[in-house]
N, C-alpha and C. Protein backbone atom coordinates (compact mmCIF):
# COMPACT_ATOMS: atom_id res chain seq x y z
N MET A 1 -66.03 49.72 25.88
CA MET A 1 -64.97 48.91 25.32
C MET A 1 -64.45 49.60 24.05
N ARG A 2 -63.16 49.46 23.83
CA ARG A 2 -62.55 50.10 22.66
C ARG A 2 -63.04 49.46 21.37
N ARG A 3 -62.93 50.24 20.30
CA ARG A 3 -63.30 49.78 18.98
C ARG A 3 -62.34 48.67 18.53
N PHE A 4 -62.85 47.72 17.71
CA PHE A 4 -62.01 46.62 17.23
C PHE A 4 -60.92 47.16 16.31
N ARG A 5 -59.71 46.66 16.54
CA ARG A 5 -58.57 47.06 15.71
C ARG A 5 -57.75 45.80 15.43
N PHE A 6 -57.61 45.50 14.14
CA PHE A 6 -56.80 44.35 13.73
C PHE A 6 -55.36 44.83 13.62
N ARG A 7 -54.48 44.28 14.44
CA ARG A 7 -53.10 44.75 14.48
C ARG A 7 -52.33 44.51 13.18
N LEU A 8 -52.76 43.53 12.40
CA LEU A 8 -52.06 43.21 11.15
C LEU A 8 -52.77 43.81 9.93
N GLN A 9 -53.59 44.85 10.17
CA GLN A 9 -54.36 45.45 9.07
C GLN A 9 -53.44 45.98 7.97
N ARG A 10 -52.35 46.62 8.35
CA ARG A 10 -51.42 47.15 7.33
C ARG A 10 -50.79 46.03 6.51
N VAL A 11 -50.48 44.94 7.15
CA VAL A 11 -49.93 43.78 6.44
C VAL A 11 -50.98 43.23 5.47
N LEU A 12 -52.22 43.14 5.93
CA LEU A 12 -53.31 42.67 5.07
C LEU A 12 -53.47 43.59 3.87
N GLU A 13 -53.45 44.89 4.10
CA GLU A 13 -53.57 45.85 3.00
C GLU A 13 -52.39 45.74 2.04
N LEU A 14 -51.20 45.51 2.57
CA LEU A 14 -50.03 45.33 1.72
C LEU A 14 -50.18 44.08 0.85
N LYS A 15 -50.66 43.00 1.45
CA LYS A 15 -50.88 41.76 0.68
C LYS A 15 -51.90 41.99 -0.43
N GLU A 16 -52.96 42.73 -0.13
CA GLU A 16 -53.97 43.04 -1.14
C GLU A 16 -53.37 43.87 -2.28
N SER A 17 -52.54 44.83 -1.90
CA SER A 17 -51.89 45.67 -2.90
C SER A 17 -50.94 44.86 -3.78
N LEU A 18 -50.14 44.00 -3.15
CA LEU A 18 -49.21 43.15 -3.91
C LEU A 18 -49.98 42.20 -4.83
N GLU A 19 -51.11 41.72 -4.34
CA GLU A 19 -51.94 40.82 -5.14
C GLU A 19 -52.46 41.55 -6.38
N ASN A 20 -52.91 42.78 -6.20
CA ASN A 20 -53.40 43.58 -7.34
C ASN A 20 -52.26 43.88 -8.32
N GLN A 21 -51.09 44.19 -7.81
CA GLN A 21 -49.94 44.43 -8.69
C GLN A 21 -49.61 43.17 -9.49
N LYS A 22 -49.65 42.03 -8.82
CA LYS A 22 -49.33 40.77 -9.50
C LYS A 22 -50.37 40.49 -10.59
N ARG A 23 -51.63 40.78 -10.29
CA ARG A 23 -52.68 40.60 -11.32
C ARG A 23 -52.42 41.51 -12.52
N ASP A 24 -52.01 42.75 -12.25
CA ASP A 24 -51.70 43.68 -13.34
C ASP A 24 -50.53 43.17 -14.17
N GLU A 25 -49.51 42.65 -13.49
CA GLU A 25 -48.35 42.10 -14.20
C GLU A 25 -48.76 40.94 -15.10
N ILE A 26 -49.61 40.08 -14.57
CA ILE A 26 -50.08 38.93 -15.35
C ILE A 26 -50.89 39.39 -16.55
N ALA A 27 -51.74 40.39 -16.35
CA ALA A 27 -52.53 40.92 -17.47
C ALA A 27 -51.62 41.50 -18.55
N MET A 28 -50.57 42.21 -18.13
CA MET A 28 -49.62 42.77 -19.10
C MET A 28 -48.90 41.65 -19.85
N LEU A 29 -48.52 40.61 -19.14
CA LEU A 29 -47.84 39.48 -19.79
C LEU A 29 -48.78 38.76 -20.77
N TYR A 30 -50.05 38.64 -20.40
CA TYR A 30 -51.01 38.05 -21.34
C TYR A 30 -51.17 38.91 -22.59
N ALA A 31 -51.14 40.22 -22.42
CA ALA A 31 -51.23 41.11 -23.58
C ALA A 31 -50.01 40.90 -24.50
N LEU A 32 -48.82 40.79 -23.89
CA LEU A 32 -47.62 40.52 -24.68
C LEU A 32 -47.71 39.15 -25.36
N LEU A 33 -48.24 38.17 -24.65
CA LEU A 33 -48.40 36.83 -25.21
C LEU A 33 -49.35 36.86 -26.42
N ASN A 34 -50.44 37.58 -26.28
CA ASN A 34 -51.37 37.71 -27.40
C ASN A 34 -50.72 38.38 -28.60
N GLU A 35 -49.88 39.37 -28.33
CA GLU A 35 -49.15 40.05 -29.41
C GLU A 35 -48.19 39.07 -30.10
N LYS A 36 -47.50 38.26 -29.32
CA LYS A 36 -46.59 37.25 -29.90
C LYS A 36 -47.37 36.25 -30.75
N GLU A 37 -48.51 35.82 -30.23
CA GLU A 37 -49.35 34.88 -30.99
C GLU A 37 -49.75 35.50 -32.34
N ARG A 38 -50.12 36.77 -32.28
CA ARG A 38 -50.51 37.47 -33.51
C ARG A 38 -49.34 37.55 -34.48
N GLU A 39 -48.15 37.88 -33.96
CA GLU A 39 -46.96 37.98 -34.81
C GLU A 39 -46.60 36.62 -35.42
N ILE A 40 -46.74 35.56 -34.65
CA ILE A 40 -46.45 34.21 -35.16
C ILE A 40 -47.43 33.87 -36.28
N LYS A 41 -48.69 34.15 -36.03
CA LYS A 41 -49.72 33.87 -37.03
C LYS A 41 -49.43 34.65 -38.31
N GLU A 42 -49.10 35.94 -38.16
CA GLU A 42 -48.78 36.76 -39.34
C GLU A 42 -47.54 36.22 -40.05
N GLY A 43 -46.55 35.79 -39.27
CA GLY A 43 -45.33 35.23 -39.86
C GLY A 43 -45.62 33.99 -40.69
N LYS A 44 -46.48 33.13 -40.16
CA LYS A 44 -46.83 31.91 -40.91
C LYS A 44 -47.61 32.25 -42.18
N LEU A 45 -48.46 33.25 -42.09
CA LEU A 45 -49.18 33.69 -43.29
C LEU A 45 -48.21 34.26 -44.32
N GLU A 46 -47.21 34.98 -43.82
CA GLU A 46 -46.19 35.54 -44.71
C GLU A 46 -45.38 34.44 -45.39
N VAL A 47 -45.06 33.38 -44.65
CA VAL A 47 -44.35 32.24 -45.23
C VAL A 47 -45.19 31.60 -46.34
N ASN A 48 -46.47 31.37 -46.04
CA ASN A 48 -47.35 30.78 -47.06
C ASN A 48 -47.44 31.66 -48.29
N SER A 49 -47.54 32.94 -48.07
CA SER A 49 -47.60 33.89 -49.19
C SER A 49 -46.29 33.85 -49.99
N ALA A 50 -45.16 33.78 -49.28
CA ALA A 50 -43.86 33.72 -49.96
C ALA A 50 -43.74 32.44 -50.78
N TYR A 51 -44.20 31.31 -50.23
CA TYR A 51 -44.18 30.06 -51.00
C TYR A 51 -45.01 30.20 -52.28
N ASN A 52 -46.19 30.76 -52.14
CA ASN A 52 -47.06 30.94 -53.31
C ASN A 52 -46.43 31.88 -54.33
N ASP A 53 -45.84 32.99 -53.86
CA ASP A 53 -45.18 33.93 -54.76
C ASP A 53 -44.00 33.26 -55.46
N MET A 54 -43.24 32.46 -54.70
CA MET A 54 -42.10 31.78 -55.29
C MET A 54 -42.57 30.80 -56.37
N ARG A 55 -43.59 30.04 -56.06
CA ARG A 55 -44.10 29.07 -57.05
C ARG A 55 -44.56 29.76 -58.33
N SER A 56 -45.30 30.85 -58.14
CA SER A 56 -45.82 31.52 -59.34
C SER A 56 -44.69 32.20 -60.12
N GLU A 57 -43.69 32.74 -59.44
CA GLU A 57 -42.58 33.40 -60.14
C GLU A 57 -41.69 32.39 -60.86
N LEU A 58 -41.47 31.24 -60.22
CA LEU A 58 -40.55 30.26 -60.78
C LEU A 58 -41.26 29.22 -61.65
N GLU A 59 -42.55 29.36 -61.83
CA GLU A 59 -43.31 28.39 -62.62
C GLU A 59 -42.84 28.42 -64.07
N GLY A 60 -42.46 27.28 -64.57
CA GLY A 60 -42.05 27.18 -65.97
C GLY A 60 -40.57 27.41 -66.18
N ASN A 61 -40.03 28.52 -65.74
CA ASN A 61 -38.61 28.80 -65.95
C ASN A 61 -37.92 28.92 -64.59
N ILE A 62 -37.09 27.97 -64.29
CA ILE A 62 -36.42 27.96 -62.98
C ILE A 62 -35.10 28.69 -63.09
N ASP A 63 -35.03 29.79 -62.37
CA ASP A 63 -33.81 30.58 -62.27
C ASP A 63 -33.20 30.23 -60.91
N VAL A 64 -32.05 29.58 -60.93
CA VAL A 64 -31.43 29.06 -59.71
C VAL A 64 -31.11 30.19 -58.73
N SER A 65 -30.59 31.30 -59.22
CA SER A 65 -30.24 32.40 -58.31
C SER A 65 -31.50 33.01 -57.69
N ARG A 66 -32.56 33.12 -58.48
CA ARG A 66 -33.83 33.65 -57.96
C ARG A 66 -34.45 32.66 -56.96
N ALA A 67 -34.38 31.39 -57.26
CA ALA A 67 -34.90 30.36 -56.34
C ALA A 67 -34.11 30.38 -55.03
N SER A 68 -32.81 30.58 -55.14
CA SER A 68 -31.96 30.65 -53.95
C SER A 68 -32.36 31.84 -53.08
N LEU A 69 -32.65 32.98 -53.71
CA LEU A 69 -33.10 34.17 -52.97
C LEU A 69 -34.41 33.89 -52.24
N TRP A 70 -35.34 33.23 -52.92
CA TRP A 70 -36.62 32.90 -52.29
C TRP A 70 -36.42 31.96 -51.10
N VAL A 71 -35.58 30.94 -51.28
CA VAL A 71 -35.34 29.98 -50.21
C VAL A 71 -34.71 30.68 -49.00
N ASN A 72 -33.74 31.55 -49.26
CA ASN A 72 -33.11 32.31 -48.16
C ASN A 72 -34.14 33.20 -47.45
N TYR A 73 -34.98 33.85 -48.24
CA TYR A 73 -36.02 34.72 -47.66
C TYR A 73 -36.98 33.90 -46.78
N ILE A 74 -37.41 32.78 -47.29
CA ILE A 74 -38.34 31.93 -46.52
C ILE A 74 -37.65 31.37 -45.28
N ASP A 75 -36.37 31.02 -45.39
CA ASP A 75 -35.61 30.56 -44.22
C ASP A 75 -35.56 31.65 -43.15
N ARG A 76 -35.32 32.89 -43.57
CA ARG A 76 -35.29 34.01 -42.61
C ARG A 76 -36.65 34.19 -41.94
N LEU A 77 -37.71 34.03 -42.72
CA LEU A 77 -39.06 34.13 -42.13
C LEU A 77 -39.27 33.05 -41.07
N TRP A 78 -38.83 31.82 -41.39
CA TRP A 78 -38.97 30.73 -40.41
C TRP A 78 -38.11 30.98 -39.17
N GLU A 79 -36.92 31.52 -39.36
CA GLU A 79 -36.07 31.84 -38.21
C GLU A 79 -36.76 32.85 -37.30
N ARG A 80 -37.39 33.84 -37.92
CA ARG A 80 -38.12 34.85 -37.13
C ARG A 80 -39.28 34.19 -36.38
N ILE A 81 -39.99 33.30 -37.05
CA ILE A 81 -41.11 32.60 -36.41
C ILE A 81 -40.60 31.77 -35.23
N HIS A 82 -39.50 31.06 -35.40
CA HIS A 82 -38.94 30.26 -34.31
C HIS A 82 -38.49 31.15 -33.14
N MET A 83 -37.93 32.30 -33.46
CA MET A 83 -37.53 33.24 -32.41
C MET A 83 -38.77 33.72 -31.65
N LEU A 84 -39.83 34.04 -32.38
CA LEU A 84 -41.07 34.47 -31.74
C LEU A 84 -41.68 33.35 -30.90
N GLU A 85 -41.58 32.12 -31.37
CA GLU A 85 -42.09 30.98 -30.59
C GLU A 85 -41.28 30.79 -29.31
N ASP A 86 -39.97 31.01 -29.38
CA ASP A 86 -39.15 30.94 -28.17
C ASP A 86 -39.57 32.03 -27.19
N GLU A 87 -39.80 33.24 -27.70
CA GLU A 87 -40.25 34.34 -26.84
C GLU A 87 -41.61 34.02 -26.23
N ARG A 88 -42.47 33.38 -27.01
CA ARG A 88 -43.79 32.98 -26.51
C ARG A 88 -43.64 31.99 -25.36
N GLU A 89 -42.74 31.04 -25.51
CA GLU A 89 -42.52 30.06 -24.45
C GLU A 89 -41.98 30.72 -23.19
N LYS A 90 -41.08 31.69 -23.36
CA LYS A 90 -40.56 32.43 -22.19
C LYS A 90 -41.69 33.18 -21.50
N LEU A 91 -42.57 33.79 -22.31
CA LEU A 91 -43.72 34.50 -21.73
C LEU A 91 -44.64 33.53 -20.99
N ASN A 92 -44.87 32.37 -21.56
CA ASN A 92 -45.71 31.37 -20.88
C ASN A 92 -45.09 30.95 -19.55
N SER A 93 -43.77 30.77 -19.54
CA SER A 93 -43.08 30.42 -18.29
C SER A 93 -43.19 31.54 -17.27
N GLU A 94 -43.02 32.77 -17.75
CA GLU A 94 -43.12 33.94 -16.87
C GLU A 94 -44.54 34.05 -16.29
N ILE A 95 -45.53 33.83 -17.14
CA ILE A 95 -46.91 33.89 -16.67
C ILE A 95 -47.15 32.83 -15.61
N GLU A 96 -46.67 31.64 -15.86
CA GLU A 96 -46.87 30.55 -14.89
C GLU A 96 -46.21 30.89 -13.56
N GLU A 97 -45.00 31.44 -13.63
CA GLU A 97 -44.30 31.83 -12.40
C GLU A 97 -45.07 32.91 -11.64
N ARG A 98 -45.55 33.91 -12.36
CA ARG A 98 -46.31 34.99 -11.72
C ARG A 98 -47.63 34.46 -11.15
N ARG A 99 -48.25 33.51 -11.82
CA ARG A 99 -49.49 32.94 -11.31
C ARG A 99 -49.23 32.20 -10.00
N LYS A 100 -48.10 31.50 -9.92
CA LYS A 100 -47.75 30.82 -8.67
C LYS A 100 -47.54 31.84 -7.56
N GLU A 101 -46.84 32.93 -7.88
CA GLU A 101 -46.63 33.99 -6.89
C GLU A 101 -47.97 34.59 -6.44
N LEU A 102 -48.87 34.80 -7.40
CA LEU A 102 -50.20 35.34 -7.08
C LEU A 102 -50.94 34.38 -6.16
N PHE A 103 -50.87 33.10 -6.47
CA PHE A 103 -51.54 32.10 -5.65
C PHE A 103 -51.02 32.14 -4.21
N GLU A 104 -49.71 32.27 -4.04
CA GLU A 104 -49.14 32.36 -2.70
C GLU A 104 -49.61 33.63 -1.98
N LEU A 105 -49.63 34.75 -2.69
CA LEU A 105 -50.12 35.99 -2.10
C LEU A 105 -51.58 35.86 -1.68
N MET A 106 -52.37 35.20 -2.51
CA MET A 106 -53.78 35.01 -2.19
C MET A 106 -53.95 34.15 -0.94
N LYS A 107 -53.13 33.10 -0.84
CA LYS A 107 -53.18 32.24 0.35
C LYS A 107 -52.83 33.03 1.60
N GLU A 108 -51.78 33.85 1.50
CA GLU A 108 -51.36 34.66 2.65
C GLU A 108 -52.46 35.65 3.04
N ARG A 109 -53.07 36.28 2.04
CA ARG A 109 -54.13 37.25 2.32
C ARG A 109 -55.32 36.56 2.97
N LYS A 110 -55.71 35.41 2.43
CA LYS A 110 -56.85 34.69 3.00
C LYS A 110 -56.58 34.25 4.43
N THR A 111 -55.35 33.85 4.70
CA THR A 111 -54.98 33.48 6.06
C THR A 111 -55.13 34.67 7.00
N LEU A 112 -54.67 35.83 6.55
CA LEU A 112 -54.81 37.04 7.37
C LEU A 112 -56.27 37.42 7.56
N GLU A 113 -57.07 37.26 6.50
CA GLU A 113 -58.49 37.58 6.62
C GLU A 113 -59.19 36.65 7.61
N LYS A 114 -58.83 35.37 7.59
CA LYS A 114 -59.41 34.43 8.55
C LYS A 114 -59.00 34.79 9.97
N LEU A 115 -57.74 35.16 10.14
CA LEU A 115 -57.26 35.58 11.46
C LEU A 115 -58.03 36.81 11.92
N LYS A 116 -58.24 37.75 11.02
CA LYS A 116 -58.98 38.97 11.36
C LYS A 116 -60.41 38.63 11.76
N GLU A 117 -61.06 37.74 11.02
CA GLU A 117 -62.42 37.33 11.35
C GLU A 117 -62.48 36.65 12.70
N ARG A 118 -61.51 35.77 12.96
CA ARG A 118 -61.49 35.06 14.24
C ARG A 118 -61.28 36.05 15.39
N GLN A 119 -60.35 37.00 15.21
CA GLN A 119 -60.11 37.99 16.25
C GLN A 119 -61.34 38.88 16.45
N TYR A 120 -62.04 39.19 15.35
CA TYR A 120 -63.24 40.01 15.49
C TYR A 120 -64.33 39.26 16.27
N ARG A 121 -64.48 37.96 15.97
CA ARG A 121 -65.47 37.16 16.70
C ARG A 121 -65.13 37.13 18.19
N GLU A 122 -63.85 36.97 18.52
CA GLU A 122 -63.42 36.98 19.92
C GLU A 122 -63.70 38.35 20.54
N TYR A 123 -63.44 39.41 19.79
CA TYR A 123 -63.71 40.77 20.26
C TYR A 123 -65.21 40.94 20.53
N ALA A 124 -66.05 40.46 19.58
CA ALA A 124 -67.50 40.60 19.72
C ALA A 124 -68.00 39.80 20.93
N ARG A 125 -67.47 38.59 21.12
CA ARG A 125 -67.85 37.78 22.29
C ARG A 125 -67.47 38.50 23.59
N GLU A 126 -66.29 39.05 23.62
CA GLU A 126 -65.84 39.76 24.82
C GLU A 126 -66.68 41.01 25.05
N ALA A 127 -67.01 41.72 23.98
CA ALA A 127 -67.85 42.92 24.12
C ALA A 127 -69.22 42.53 24.64
N ASP A 128 -69.77 41.42 24.14
CA ASP A 128 -71.07 40.94 24.62
C ASP A 128 -70.99 40.55 26.09
N ARG A 129 -69.93 39.87 26.45
CA ARG A 129 -69.74 39.47 27.85
C ARG A 129 -69.63 40.69 28.75
N GLN A 130 -68.88 41.69 28.31
CA GLN A 130 -68.74 42.93 29.09
C GLN A 130 -70.10 43.62 29.23
N GLU A 131 -70.86 43.63 28.14
CA GLU A 131 -72.19 44.26 28.19
C GLU A 131 -73.10 43.55 29.19
N ARG A 132 -73.06 42.22 29.17
CA ARG A 132 -73.88 41.46 30.13
C ARG A 132 -73.43 41.72 31.57
N LEU A 133 -72.12 41.80 31.77
CA LEU A 133 -71.62 42.12 33.12
C LEU A 133 -72.10 43.49 33.57
N ASN A 134 -72.06 44.45 32.66
CA ASN A 134 -72.52 45.80 33.00
C ASN A 134 -74.01 45.81 33.33
N VAL A 135 -74.80 45.08 32.56
CA VAL A 135 -76.25 45.01 32.81
C VAL A 135 -76.49 44.33 34.15
N ASP A 136 -75.78 43.23 34.40
CA ASP A 136 -75.93 42.54 35.69
C ASP A 136 -75.54 43.44 36.85
N GLU A 137 -74.46 44.17 36.68
CA GLU A 137 -74.00 45.07 37.75
C GLU A 137 -75.02 46.17 38.00
N MET A 138 -75.58 46.71 36.92
CA MET A 138 -76.59 47.76 37.08
C MET A 138 -77.84 47.20 37.76
N ALA A 139 -78.22 45.99 37.40
CA ALA A 139 -79.40 45.37 38.03
C ALA A 139 -79.13 45.12 39.51
N THR A 140 -77.93 44.69 39.82
CA THR A 140 -77.56 44.46 41.21
C THR A 140 -77.59 45.77 41.99
N ILE A 141 -77.06 46.80 41.43
CA ILE A 141 -77.05 48.11 42.09
C ILE A 141 -78.48 48.58 42.33
N ARG A 142 -79.38 48.45 41.33
CA ARG A 142 -80.77 48.85 41.48
C ARG A 142 -81.45 48.03 42.57
N PHE A 143 -81.15 46.73 42.56
CA PHE A 143 -81.76 45.87 43.57
C PHE A 143 -81.32 46.29 44.97
N VAL A 144 -80.01 46.50 45.12
CA VAL A 144 -79.48 46.90 46.42
C VAL A 144 -80.06 48.27 46.82
N HIS A 145 -80.12 49.16 45.86
CA HIS A 145 -80.64 50.51 46.11
C HIS A 145 -82.12 50.42 46.55
N LYS A 146 -82.92 49.59 45.87
CA LYS A 146 -84.33 49.43 46.26
C LYS A 146 -84.43 48.79 47.64
N LYS A 147 -83.55 47.83 47.91
CA LYS A 147 -83.56 47.14 49.20
C LYS A 147 -83.27 48.13 50.32
N ILE A 148 -82.24 48.96 50.07
CA ILE A 148 -81.87 49.94 51.09
C ILE A 148 -82.97 50.97 51.26
N ASN A 149 -83.47 51.49 50.17
CA ASN A 149 -84.53 52.49 50.23
C ASN A 149 -85.82 51.89 50.77
N GLY A 150 -86.10 50.66 50.45
CA GLY A 150 -87.31 49.98 50.91
C GLY A 150 -87.25 49.71 52.40
N GLU A 151 -86.09 49.40 52.93
CA GLU A 151 -85.95 49.11 54.34
C GLU A 151 -86.02 50.37 55.16
N LYS A 152 -85.55 51.49 54.61
CA LYS A 152 -85.57 52.76 55.34
C LYS A 152 -86.97 53.38 55.33
N GLY A 153 -87.67 53.22 54.23
CA GLY A 153 -88.93 53.93 54.07
C GLY A 153 -90.07 53.24 54.56
C-alpha cells in the first residue's frame, strides 16, 4: 500500500506559516505599545518636573510673561501626551484586530490538523484491513497447496 499523503499538506503548512507571521506582527505591535507606554510615562514625568520648575522659578515674584511661557510649555507637553495616548489606543485596536485574525488562522489550522488525523486513521484502518486480507490469502494459498500436495503424495 502507498505511503500516507495528506492532500492539503501545503495548505496546512501555509496556515502554520501565516500563523507564525501573525504572531510576529503581534509581538512587534506589543513592542511598539510598550515604547508608547514608556514615552507616555516619561511625558508625564516631564510635566511634573515642569510644574515643579515653574513653581520654584515663579515663587515669590510672579512674572506674567515667564508664567505664560511655562503654561504654554506645559500645554505642549500635555498635547504630546494626548497624541501618544491616541497612538497607544490605535496600537491596542491594531493588536486586537491581529489577535482576532490569529485566532481565525489557528481555528483553520486546527481544523486541517483534525482532518489530517482523521484521514490518517482511515488510511491506517485500510492498511490494516489490506494486511489482514493478504495474510488470509497467503494462509488460503498454503492450505490449498498443502491439500493438493497432500492428496498427491
